[in-house]
Every structure is written in C-alpha cells, then in structure tokens.
Amino acid sequence: MGALLVGVDLVEVARMRRALERTPGLKRRLFTDDEIAYCERRAKPEQSFAARFAAREAVLKALGCGFAGMGWKDVSVRIAGDGHPEAILAGAAKARAEEMGVEEVALSLSHTDSVACANAVLITHDARPARKVRAGERDALASSFKEARSIVLELERAQREAEDERSRTAKGASPQSREE
C-alpha cells in the first residue's frame, strides 16, 4: 500500500545554542563532519544546527519511530547541487525506510532568529500517481520512433552498399563493369 508519510519538528534556536555551548563535544556526537562544516560557515550557525536537528526529528517522526533504536547520525542533511536540502539516511533509519518501501524523502528547512522548522515527506512507490500519457503524446512518440527507425534502416542500407562497393573495388572490378 502506498503512502505519503509526514513528519514536522520545531527546535528553539536559543536552546540549541546553549546546548552546544555547554557541551562542546555535542556537535561531533549529533552531526556529521559535513553538517558541522556547513553550519559553521553560516553567520548564525546555531540556526543551521537547530534546523538539522529538527530535520532528524521530522524524518524519524515520518518513519514512525522517533530516536528509539536510531543513531544520532542515522539521519543527516546535505545541500544538493541546486541548493535544496536532502535527507541522507543511514543505519537503522535507512533499514526502516527500506522496510517501509520509502523511495524518496522530500525535506524542507526554515528558521527565524528564534525557531528552526523541518518538514519531511516520505514517499513510497505506490504513492506516486501514475503519469498519464495523453493520446497526442503517444501518437507523437510513435511517429518519432517510426521516423528514427526509417533513418536507421536507410543508414544501414547505405553502409551495406558502401561495403559492397569497397569489396568489388578490392577484387578489381570497376564501377563501370558492375553496371554492364
């Protein structure tokens, strides 16, 4: 059965900042090296750390499990080439998602000075609507295929003729003697 599974979480930025200040080793325990490098390049790193922690919670809520049996880094966030955040699943979170048939995790992050928010939507194969091909698209595709096939056949015929010509020339027959 297909499903769209949704998880949402909010993290107070000030609470994240205090936790990171009080416990210096917390960053390394909660976040991947890539996440730490990304967040520390920001003007207000605590906002980005809070958003990433919220992302973990949102994804795990969508998986229906929370942190029970999960590692802190079983869900992490990276920024894709086009700039949108991507959830990376590993360990127990990845195994659970595979069990559930999750094919994609859509992730959205946002923050203000005081609150970071994450929304995660997990999509299973059966939840994707089937793309309907309209009759006009189908006809255009069939016509395009027939045209491409006729070009391929014409090229193959021309290649055979050229090979035959080379073979006759190699055997000493001139092009004129062929026509007589």
N, C-alpha and C. Protein backbone atom coordinates (compact mmCIF):
# COMPACT_ATOMS: atom_id res chain seq x y z
N MET A 1 0.85 -1.17 0.00
CA MET A 1 0.00 0.00 0.00
C MET A 1 0.89 1.23 0.00
N GLY A 2 0.61 2.19 -0.87
CA GLY A 2 1.40 3.41 -0.98
C GLY A 2 1.09 4.37 0.14
N ALA A 3 2.06 5.21 0.41
CA ALA A 3 1.86 6.17 1.48
C ALA A 3 2.71 7.41 1.28
N LEU A 4 2.17 8.50 1.75
CA LEU A 4 2.93 9.72 1.94
C LEU A 4 3.00 9.88 3.45
N LEU A 5 4.19 9.80 4.01
CA LEU A 5 4.37 9.86 5.45
C LEU A 5 4.97 11.22 5.79
N VAL A 6 4.37 11.91 6.73
CA VAL A 6 4.77 13.28 7.03
C VAL A 6 5.28 13.41 8.45
N GLY A 7 6.35 14.18 8.60
CA GLY A 7 6.89 14.49 9.92
C GLY A 7 7.27 15.96 9.97
N VAL A 8 7.01 16.60 11.09
CA VAL A 8 7.32 18.02 11.28
C VAL A 8 7.97 18.18 12.65
N ASP A 9 8.94 19.08 12.73
CA ASP A 9 9.54 19.35 14.04
C ASP A 9 10.01 20.79 14.11
N LEU A 10 9.99 21.33 15.32
CA LEU A 10 10.49 22.68 15.62
C LEU A 10 11.56 22.57 16.69
N VAL A 11 12.61 23.36 16.56
CA VAL A 11 13.66 23.41 17.58
C VAL A 11 13.93 24.88 17.90
N GLU A 12 13.97 25.20 19.18
CA GLU A 12 14.29 26.56 19.59
C GLU A 12 15.78 26.81 19.37
N VAL A 13 16.10 27.87 18.64
CA VAL A 13 17.49 28.18 18.30
C VAL A 13 18.31 28.48 19.56
N ALA A 14 17.76 29.23 20.49
CA ALA A 14 18.48 29.57 21.72
C ALA A 14 18.81 28.30 22.53
N ARG A 15 17.90 27.36 22.55
CA ARG A 15 18.14 26.11 23.28
C ARG A 15 19.29 25.33 22.62
N MET A 16 19.33 25.30 21.28
CA MET A 16 20.42 24.62 20.57
C MET A 16 21.74 25.34 20.87
N ARG A 17 21.73 26.67 20.83
CA ARG A 17 22.96 27.42 21.10
C ARG A 17 23.48 27.12 22.50
N ARG A 18 22.60 27.12 23.49
CA ARG A 18 23.01 26.84 24.88
C ARG A 18 23.56 25.41 25.00
N ALA A 19 22.91 24.47 24.38
CA ALA A 19 23.35 23.06 24.46
C ALA A 19 24.74 22.91 23.85
N LEU A 20 24.98 23.56 22.71
CA LEU A 20 26.29 23.46 22.05
C LEU A 20 27.38 24.17 22.86
N GLU A 21 27.02 25.27 23.53
CA GLU A 21 28.00 25.99 24.37
C GLU A 21 28.33 25.19 25.64
N ARG A 22 27.31 24.60 26.26
CA ARG A 22 27.50 23.84 27.50
C ARG A 22 28.27 22.54 27.28
N THR A 23 28.05 21.91 26.14
CA THR A 23 28.63 20.59 25.88
C THR A 23 29.39 20.64 24.56
N PRO A 24 30.68 21.01 24.61
CA PRO A 24 31.45 21.17 23.37
C PRO A 24 31.49 19.92 22.48
N GLY A 25 31.45 18.74 23.04
CA GLY A 25 31.50 17.51 22.24
C GLY A 25 30.17 17.15 21.57
N LEU A 26 29.13 17.92 21.90
CA LEU A 26 27.80 17.60 21.39
C LEU A 26 27.73 17.68 19.85
N LYS A 27 28.40 18.65 19.27
CA LYS A 27 28.39 18.80 17.80
C LYS A 27 28.83 17.51 17.13
N ARG A 28 29.95 16.98 17.58
CA ARG A 28 30.51 15.77 16.95
C ARG A 28 29.65 14.54 17.20
N ARG A 29 28.94 14.56 18.32
CA ARG A 29 28.07 13.42 18.64
C ARG A 29 26.78 13.44 17.82
N LEU A 30 26.26 14.65 17.55
CA LEU A 30 24.96 14.78 16.87
C LEU A 30 25.04 14.95 15.36
N PHE A 31 26.11 15.58 14.88
CA PHE A 31 26.17 16.00 13.49
C PHE A 31 27.36 15.40 12.75
N THR A 32 27.19 15.23 11.44
CA THR A 32 28.29 14.72 10.62
C THR A 32 29.32 15.83 10.40
N ASP A 33 30.50 15.45 9.97
CA ASP A 33 31.54 16.45 9.68
C ASP A 33 31.08 17.45 8.62
N ASP A 34 30.38 16.96 7.59
CA ASP A 34 29.88 17.85 6.54
C ASP A 34 28.86 18.84 7.09
N GLU A 35 27.98 18.36 7.96
CA GLU A 35 26.99 19.26 8.56
C GLU A 35 27.67 20.32 9.42
N ILE A 36 28.65 19.91 10.20
CA ILE A 36 29.37 20.86 11.06
C ILE A 36 30.06 21.92 10.20
N ALA A 37 30.74 21.48 9.15
CA ALA A 37 31.44 22.43 8.27
C ALA A 37 30.45 23.40 7.65
N TYR A 38 29.30 22.91 7.19
CA TYR A 38 28.29 23.78 6.57
C TYR A 38 27.78 24.80 7.59
N CYS A 39 27.37 24.32 8.76
CA CYS A 39 26.78 25.20 9.77
C CYS A 39 27.76 26.26 10.25
N GLU A 40 29.00 25.87 10.43
CA GLU A 40 29.99 26.81 10.95
C GLU A 40 30.37 27.89 9.94
N ARG A 41 30.02 27.71 8.67
CA ARG A 41 30.24 28.76 7.66
C ARG A 41 29.12 29.79 7.66
N ARG A 42 28.05 29.53 8.37
CA ARG A 42 26.89 30.44 8.41
C ARG A 42 27.15 31.57 9.41
N ALA A 43 26.48 32.67 9.19
CA ALA A 43 26.61 33.81 10.10
C ALA A 43 26.09 33.47 11.50
N LYS A 44 25.02 32.69 11.56
CA LYS A 44 24.44 32.25 12.84
C LYS A 44 24.35 30.73 12.81
N PRO A 45 25.46 30.05 13.10
CA PRO A 45 25.49 28.59 12.98
C PRO A 45 24.43 27.87 13.81
N GLU A 46 24.06 28.44 14.95
CA GLU A 46 23.08 27.77 15.80
C GLU A 46 21.74 27.58 15.08
N GLN A 47 21.39 28.49 14.16
CA GLN A 47 20.15 28.33 13.40
C GLN A 47 20.24 27.11 12.48
N SER A 48 21.37 26.95 11.82
CA SER A 48 21.54 25.80 10.91
C SER A 48 21.63 24.49 11.68
N PHE A 49 22.31 24.49 12.83
CA PHE A 49 22.36 23.28 13.66
C PHE A 49 20.95 22.91 14.12
N ALA A 50 20.18 23.92 14.55
CA ALA A 50 18.81 23.66 15.02
C ALA A 50 17.95 23.10 13.88
N ALA A 51 18.11 23.63 12.67
CA ALA A 51 17.34 23.14 11.52
C ALA A 51 17.69 21.69 11.21
N ARG A 52 18.96 21.35 11.32
CA ARG A 52 19.37 19.98 11.03
C ARG A 52 18.88 19.00 12.10
N PHE A 53 18.86 19.45 13.35
CA PHE A 53 18.32 18.59 14.39
C PHE A 53 16.82 18.41 14.18
N ALA A 54 16.13 19.48 13.81
CA ALA A 54 14.70 19.40 13.51
C ALA A 54 14.45 18.44 12.34
N ALA A 55 15.34 18.44 11.36
CA ALA A 55 15.20 17.54 10.21
C ALA A 55 15.27 16.09 10.66
N ARG A 56 16.20 15.78 11.57
CA ARG A 56 16.30 14.41 12.09
C ARG A 56 14.99 13.99 12.72
N GLU A 57 14.48 14.85 13.58
CA GLU A 57 13.22 14.56 14.27
C GLU A 57 12.07 14.40 13.29
N ALA A 58 11.98 15.28 12.30
CA ALA A 58 10.88 15.22 11.33
C ALA A 58 10.92 13.92 10.53
N VAL A 59 12.11 13.54 10.07
CA VAL A 59 12.24 12.30 9.29
C VAL A 59 11.89 11.09 10.17
N LEU A 60 12.39 11.07 11.38
CA LEU A 60 12.12 9.93 12.26
C LEU A 60 10.64 9.86 12.65
N LYS A 61 10.00 11.01 12.81
CA LYS A 61 8.56 11.01 13.07
C LYS A 61 7.81 10.43 11.87
N ALA A 62 8.22 10.81 10.67
CA ALA A 62 7.58 10.28 9.47
C ALA A 62 7.79 8.76 9.37
N LEU A 63 8.95 8.30 9.82
CA LEU A 63 9.21 6.85 9.83
C LEU A 63 8.43 6.15 10.95
N GLY A 64 7.86 6.94 11.85
CA GLY A 64 7.04 6.38 12.93
C GLY A 64 7.83 5.79 14.07
N CYS A 65 9.08 6.27 14.26
CA CYS A 65 9.89 5.62 15.30
C CYS A 65 10.56 6.56 16.29
N GLY A 66 10.72 7.83 15.96
CA GLY A 66 11.50 8.68 16.85
C GLY A 66 12.92 8.17 16.95
N PHE A 67 13.64 8.58 17.98
CA PHE A 67 15.05 8.18 18.11
C PHE A 67 15.23 6.78 18.71
N ALA A 68 14.14 6.12 19.09
CA ALA A 68 14.25 4.78 19.68
C ALA A 68 14.94 3.83 18.70
N GLY A 69 16.10 3.33 19.09
CA GLY A 69 16.84 2.39 18.25
C GLY A 69 17.61 3.03 17.11
N MET A 70 17.61 4.33 17.04
CA MET A 70 18.30 5.04 15.96
C MET A 70 19.55 5.71 16.50
N GLY A 71 20.53 5.87 15.64
CA GLY A 71 21.73 6.62 15.99
C GLY A 71 21.52 8.10 15.68
N TRP A 72 22.25 8.96 16.36
CA TRP A 72 22.11 10.40 16.15
C TRP A 72 22.38 10.80 14.70
N LYS A 73 23.26 10.06 14.05
CA LYS A 73 23.64 10.42 12.68
C LYS A 73 22.99 9.53 11.63
N ASP A 74 21.97 8.76 12.03
CA ASP A 74 21.25 7.93 11.07
C ASP A 74 20.46 8.77 10.08
N VAL A 75 20.20 10.00 10.44
CA VAL A 75 19.60 10.97 9.51
C VAL A 75 20.51 12.19 9.53
N SER A 76 20.93 12.63 8.37
CA SER A 76 21.72 13.85 8.27
C SER A 76 21.22 14.66 7.09
N VAL A 77 21.75 15.86 6.96
CA VAL A 77 21.30 16.77 5.90
C VAL A 77 22.49 17.24 5.10
N ARG A 78 22.32 17.23 3.79
CA ARG A 78 23.32 17.85 2.92
C ARG A 78 22.58 18.77 1.96
N ILE A 79 23.32 19.69 1.42
CA ILE A 79 22.74 20.62 0.45
C ILE A 79 23.06 20.10 -0.94
N ALA A 80 22.02 19.89 -1.73
CA ALA A 80 22.18 19.38 -3.09
C ALA A 80 22.79 20.45 -3.98
N GLY A 81 23.22 20.05 -5.15
CA GLY A 81 23.83 20.97 -6.11
C GLY A 81 22.94 22.15 -6.47
N ASP A 82 21.63 21.94 -6.45
CA ASP A 82 20.72 23.03 -6.78
C ASP A 82 20.31 23.85 -5.57
N GLY A 83 20.90 23.54 -4.40
CA GLY A 83 20.66 24.36 -3.21
C GLY A 83 19.59 23.86 -2.25
N HIS A 84 18.85 22.82 -2.61
CA HIS A 84 17.81 22.36 -1.68
C HIS A 84 18.39 21.33 -0.71
N PRO A 85 17.82 21.24 0.49
CA PRO A 85 18.32 20.28 1.46
C PRO A 85 17.88 18.86 1.12
N GLU A 86 18.78 17.91 1.37
CA GLU A 86 18.47 16.50 1.15
C GLU A 86 18.70 15.75 2.46
N ALA A 87 17.78 14.85 2.77
CA ALA A 87 17.96 13.99 3.94
C ALA A 87 18.75 12.76 3.50
N ILE A 88 19.78 12.46 4.25
CA ILE A 88 20.60 11.28 3.99
C ILE A 88 20.29 10.27 5.10
N LEU A 89 19.86 9.08 4.71
CA LEU A 89 19.53 8.05 5.69
C LEU A 89 20.65 7.02 5.76
N ALA A 90 20.96 6.59 6.97
CA ALA A 90 21.99 5.58 7.19
C ALA A 90 21.52 4.68 8.33
N GLY A 91 22.24 3.59 8.54
CA GLY A 91 21.99 2.72 9.68
C GLY A 91 20.55 2.26 9.82
N ALA A 92 20.03 2.35 11.04
CA ALA A 92 18.69 1.87 11.35
C ALA A 92 17.61 2.67 10.63
N ALA A 93 17.82 3.96 10.43
CA ALA A 93 16.83 4.77 9.72
C ALA A 93 16.71 4.33 8.27
N LYS A 94 17.83 4.05 7.65
CA LYS A 94 17.82 3.58 6.26
C LYS A 94 17.13 2.22 6.17
N ALA A 95 17.43 1.33 7.10
CA ALA A 95 16.82 0.00 7.10
C ALA A 95 15.30 0.10 7.27
N ARG A 96 14.87 0.96 8.18
CA ARG A 96 13.42 1.13 8.40
C ARG A 96 12.75 1.69 7.16
N ALA A 97 13.37 2.69 6.53
CA ALA A 97 12.80 3.28 5.32
C ALA A 97 12.70 2.23 4.20
N GLU A 98 13.72 1.41 4.06
CA GLU A 98 13.69 0.35 3.04
C GLU A 98 12.57 -0.65 3.33
N GLU A 99 12.41 -1.02 4.61
CA GLU A 99 11.33 -1.91 5.03
C GLU A 99 9.96 -1.36 4.63
N MET A 100 9.82 -0.05 4.78
CA MET A 100 8.55 0.61 4.51
C MET A 100 8.36 0.91 3.02
N GLY A 101 9.38 0.69 2.22
CA GLY A 101 9.27 0.97 0.79
C GLY A 101 9.44 2.43 0.43
N VAL A 102 10.13 3.19 1.28
CA VAL A 102 10.33 4.61 1.01
C VAL A 102 11.32 4.77 -0.14
N GLU A 103 10.92 5.53 -1.14
CA GLU A 103 11.78 5.78 -2.30
C GLU A 103 12.40 7.17 -2.28
N GLU A 104 11.74 8.09 -1.60
CA GLU A 104 12.21 9.47 -1.62
C GLU A 104 11.85 10.15 -0.31
N VAL A 105 12.74 11.03 0.14
CA VAL A 105 12.46 11.86 1.30
C VAL A 105 12.53 13.31 0.84
N ALA A 106 11.38 13.96 0.82
CA ALA A 106 11.34 15.38 0.48
C ALA A 106 11.49 16.15 1.79
N LEU A 107 12.42 17.09 1.81
CA LEU A 107 12.76 17.79 3.05
C LEU A 107 12.73 19.29 2.82
N SER A 108 12.15 20.00 3.77
CA SER A 108 12.14 21.46 3.74
C SER A 108 12.59 21.97 5.10
N LEU A 109 13.53 22.92 5.09
CA LEU A 109 14.04 23.51 6.34
C LEU A 109 13.79 25.01 6.30
N SER A 110 13.54 25.57 7.48
CA SER A 110 13.38 27.01 7.58
C SER A 110 13.73 27.42 9.01
N HIS A 111 14.09 28.67 9.17
CA HIS A 111 14.34 29.15 10.54
C HIS A 111 14.16 30.66 10.61
N THR A 112 13.89 31.11 11.82
CA THR A 112 13.90 32.53 12.16
C THR A 112 15.02 32.68 13.17
N ASP A 113 15.12 33.85 13.78
CA ASP A 113 16.12 34.03 14.83
C ASP A 113 15.85 33.13 16.03
N SER A 114 14.58 32.76 16.22
CA SER A 114 14.24 32.02 17.43
C SER A 114 13.85 30.55 17.23
N VAL A 115 13.38 30.18 16.05
CA VAL A 115 12.88 28.81 15.84
C VAL A 115 13.34 28.27 14.49
N ALA A 116 13.73 26.99 14.50
CA ALA A 116 14.04 26.27 13.25
C ALA A 116 12.95 25.23 13.04
N CYS A 117 12.57 25.05 11.79
CA CYS A 117 11.48 24.14 11.45
C CYS A 117 11.93 23.20 10.34
N ALA A 118 11.49 21.96 10.40
CA ALA A 118 11.75 20.99 9.33
C ALA A 118 10.48 20.23 9.03
N ASN A 119 10.25 20.02 7.76
CA ASN A 119 9.13 19.21 7.28
C ASN A 119 9.71 18.11 6.42
N ALA A 120 9.30 16.88 6.68
CA ALA A 120 9.77 15.74 5.89
C ALA A 120 8.55 14.99 5.36
N VAL A 121 8.60 14.67 4.08
CA VAL A 121 7.57 13.85 3.47
C VAL A 121 8.27 12.64 2.85
N LEU A 122 7.92 11.46 3.33
CA LEU A 122 8.49 10.22 2.81
C LEU A 122 7.51 9.65 1.81
N ILE A 123 8.02 9.29 0.64
CA ILE A 123 7.16 8.86 -0.45
C ILE A 123 7.50 7.42 -0.81
N THR A 124 6.48 6.57 -0.82
CA THR A 124 6.67 5.19 -1.26
C THR A 124 6.29 5.09 -2.73
N HIS A 125 6.73 4.02 -3.38
CA HIS A 125 6.49 3.85 -4.81
C HIS A 125 5.01 3.93 -5.16
N ASP A 126 4.20 3.21 -4.41
CA ASP A 126 2.77 3.14 -4.73
C ASP A 126 2.05 4.46 -4.51
N ALA A 127 2.66 5.37 -3.77
CA ALA A 127 2.01 6.65 -3.51
C ALA A 127 2.14 7.62 -4.67
N ARG A 128 3.09 7.35 -5.56
CA ARG A 128 3.28 8.24 -6.71
C ARG A 128 2.14 8.04 -7.69
N PRO A 129 1.53 9.13 -8.11
CA PRO A 129 0.47 8.97 -9.11
C PRO A 129 1.08 8.52 -10.44
N ALA A 130 0.39 7.65 -11.12
CA ALA A 130 0.86 7.20 -12.43
C ALA A 130 0.76 8.36 -13.41
N ARG A 131 1.79 8.54 -14.19
CA ARG A 131 1.79 9.61 -15.17
C ARG A 131 0.96 9.14 -16.35
N LYS A 132 -0.07 9.91 -16.68
CA LYS A 132 -0.93 9.54 -17.80
C LYS A 132 -0.36 10.18 -19.06
N VAL A 133 -0.18 9.34 -20.06
CA VAL A 133 0.30 9.82 -21.34
C VAL A 133 -0.92 10.10 -22.20
N ARG A 134 -1.05 11.33 -22.64
CA ARG A 134 -2.19 11.69 -23.48
C ARG A 134 -2.03 11.10 -24.88
N ALA A 135 -3.17 10.91 -25.54
CA ALA A 135 -3.17 10.29 -26.88
C ALA A 135 -2.25 11.05 -27.83
N GLY A 136 -2.27 12.36 -27.82
CA GLY A 136 -1.41 13.15 -28.71
C GLY A 136 0.06 12.90 -28.45
N GLU A 137 0.44 12.77 -27.17
CA GLU A 137 1.83 12.48 -26.82
C GLU A 137 2.22 11.09 -27.31
N ARG A 138 1.31 10.14 -27.14
CA ARG A 138 1.57 8.76 -27.56
C ARG A 138 1.75 8.70 -29.08
N ASP A 139 0.88 9.38 -29.83
CA ASP A 139 0.98 9.40 -31.28
C ASP A 139 2.26 10.07 -31.74
N ALA A 140 2.62 11.17 -31.10
CA ALA A 140 3.85 11.88 -31.46
C ALA A 140 5.08 11.01 -31.19
N LEU A 141 5.05 10.31 -30.07
CA LEU A 141 6.16 9.42 -29.73
C LEU A 141 6.26 8.28 -30.74
N ALA A 142 5.13 7.68 -31.11
CA ALA A 142 5.14 6.59 -32.08
C ALA A 142 5.64 7.08 -33.43
N SER A 143 5.20 8.26 -33.85
CA SER A 143 5.65 8.83 -35.12
C SER A 143 7.15 9.10 -35.09
N SER A 144 7.62 9.63 -33.99
CA SER A 144 9.05 9.93 -33.84
C SER A 144 9.86 8.64 -33.90
N PHE A 145 9.36 7.59 -33.26
CA PHE A 145 10.06 6.31 -33.28
C PHE A 145 10.13 5.76 -34.71
N LYS A 146 8.99 5.83 -35.44
CA LYS A 146 8.96 5.31 -36.82
C LYS A 146 9.95 6.08 -37.69
N GLU A 147 10.01 7.40 -37.51
CA GLU A 147 10.93 8.22 -38.30
C GLU A 147 12.38 7.84 -37.98
N ALA A 148 12.68 7.70 -36.70
CA ALA A 148 14.04 7.33 -36.30
C ALA A 148 14.39 5.95 -36.85
N ARG A 149 13.47 5.02 -36.80
CA ARG A 149 13.71 3.67 -37.30
C ARG A 149 13.98 3.69 -38.81
N SER A 150 13.23 4.51 -39.57
CA SER A 150 13.45 4.58 -41.02
C SER A 150 14.81 5.19 -41.34
N ILE A 151 15.26 6.13 -40.54
CA ILE A 151 16.59 6.71 -40.73
C ILE A 151 17.66 5.65 -40.47
N VAL A 152 17.49 4.88 -39.41
CA VAL A 152 18.45 3.83 -39.08
C VAL A 152 18.50 2.80 -40.21
N LEU A 153 17.34 2.40 -40.73
CA LEU A 153 17.31 1.44 -41.83
C LEU A 153 18.00 1.99 -43.08
N GLU A 154 17.77 3.28 -43.38
CA GLU A 154 18.40 3.91 -44.53
C GLU A 154 19.92 3.96 -44.36
N LEU A 155 20.38 4.28 -43.16
CA LEU A 155 21.82 4.31 -42.89
C LEU A 155 22.43 2.92 -43.03
N GLU A 156 21.72 1.90 -42.52
CA GLU A 156 22.23 0.54 -42.65
C GLU A 156 22.32 0.14 -44.13
N ARG A 157 21.31 0.51 -44.95
CA ARG A 157 21.32 0.20 -46.38
C ARG A 157 22.49 0.89 -47.06
N ALA A 158 22.71 2.17 -46.74
CA ALA A 158 23.82 2.91 -47.34
C ALA A 158 25.16 2.31 -46.94
N GLN A 159 25.27 1.86 -45.72
CA GLN A 159 26.51 1.24 -45.24
C GLN A 159 26.77 -0.07 -45.99
N ARG A 160 25.73 -0.88 -46.17
CA ARG A 160 25.89 -2.13 -46.92
C ARG A 160 26.34 -1.86 -48.36
N GLU A 161 25.73 -0.85 -49.00
CA GLU A 161 26.11 -0.51 -50.38
C GLU A 161 27.56 -0.06 -50.44
N ALA A 162 27.98 0.74 -49.47
CA ALA A 162 29.37 1.22 -49.45
C ALA A 162 30.33 0.04 -49.24
N GLU A 163 29.96 -0.89 -48.36
CA GLU A 163 30.80 -2.06 -48.13
C GLU A 163 30.88 -2.93 -49.39
N ASP A 164 29.74 -3.10 -50.06
CA ASP A 164 29.73 -3.87 -51.32
C ASP A 164 30.63 -3.21 -52.35
N GLU A 165 30.56 -1.90 -52.47
CA GLU A 165 31.38 -1.15 -53.43
C GLU A 165 32.86 -1.33 -53.13
N ARG A 166 33.22 -1.22 -51.82
CA ARG A 166 34.62 -1.41 -51.43
C ARG A 166 35.08 -2.83 -51.75
N SER A 167 34.22 -3.79 -51.52
CA SER A 167 34.57 -5.18 -51.78
C SER A 167 34.79 -5.41 -53.28
N ARG A 168 33.92 -4.86 -54.12
CA ARG A 168 34.09 -5.01 -55.58
C ARG A 168 35.36 -4.31 -56.05
N THR A 169 35.65 -3.13 -55.50
CA THR A 169 36.84 -2.39 -55.90
C THR A 169 38.09 -3.17 -55.48
N ALA A 170 38.04 -3.76 -54.30
CA ALA A 170 39.18 -4.53 -53.81
C ALA A 170 39.43 -5.77 -54.68
N LYS A 171 38.39 -6.31 -55.29
CA LYS A 171 38.53 -7.50 -56.14
C LYS A 171 38.91 -7.13 -57.57
N GLY A 172 39.07 -5.83 -57.85
CA GLY A 172 39.50 -5.38 -59.17
C GLY A 172 38.37 -5.05 -60.11
N ALA A 173 37.14 -5.13 -59.67
CA ALA A 173 36.04 -4.77 -60.54
C ALA A 173 35.85 -3.27 -60.51
N SER A 174 35.72 -2.67 -61.66
CA SER A 174 35.49 -1.23 -61.71
C SER A 174 34.01 -0.95 -61.57
N PRO A 175 33.66 0.26 -61.16
CA PRO A 175 32.25 0.60 -61.02
C PRO A 175 31.50 0.45 -62.35
N GLN A 176 32.19 0.71 -63.51
CA GLN A 176 31.51 0.61 -64.79
C GLN A 176 31.17 -0.82 -65.13
N SER A 177 32.07 -1.75 -64.84
CA SER A 177 31.82 -3.15 -65.18
C SER A 177 30.64 -3.70 -64.40
N ARG A 178 30.35 -3.10 -63.27
CA ARG A 178 29.23 -3.54 -62.47
C ARG A 178 27.92 -3.24 -63.17
N GLU A 179 27.85 -2.10 -63.85
CA GLU A 179 26.61 -1.69 -64.47
C GLU A 179 26.35 -2.44 -65.77
N GLU A 180 27.34 -3.00 -66.44
CA GLU A 180 27.16 -3.64 -67.75
C GLU A 180 26.55 -4.99 -67.66
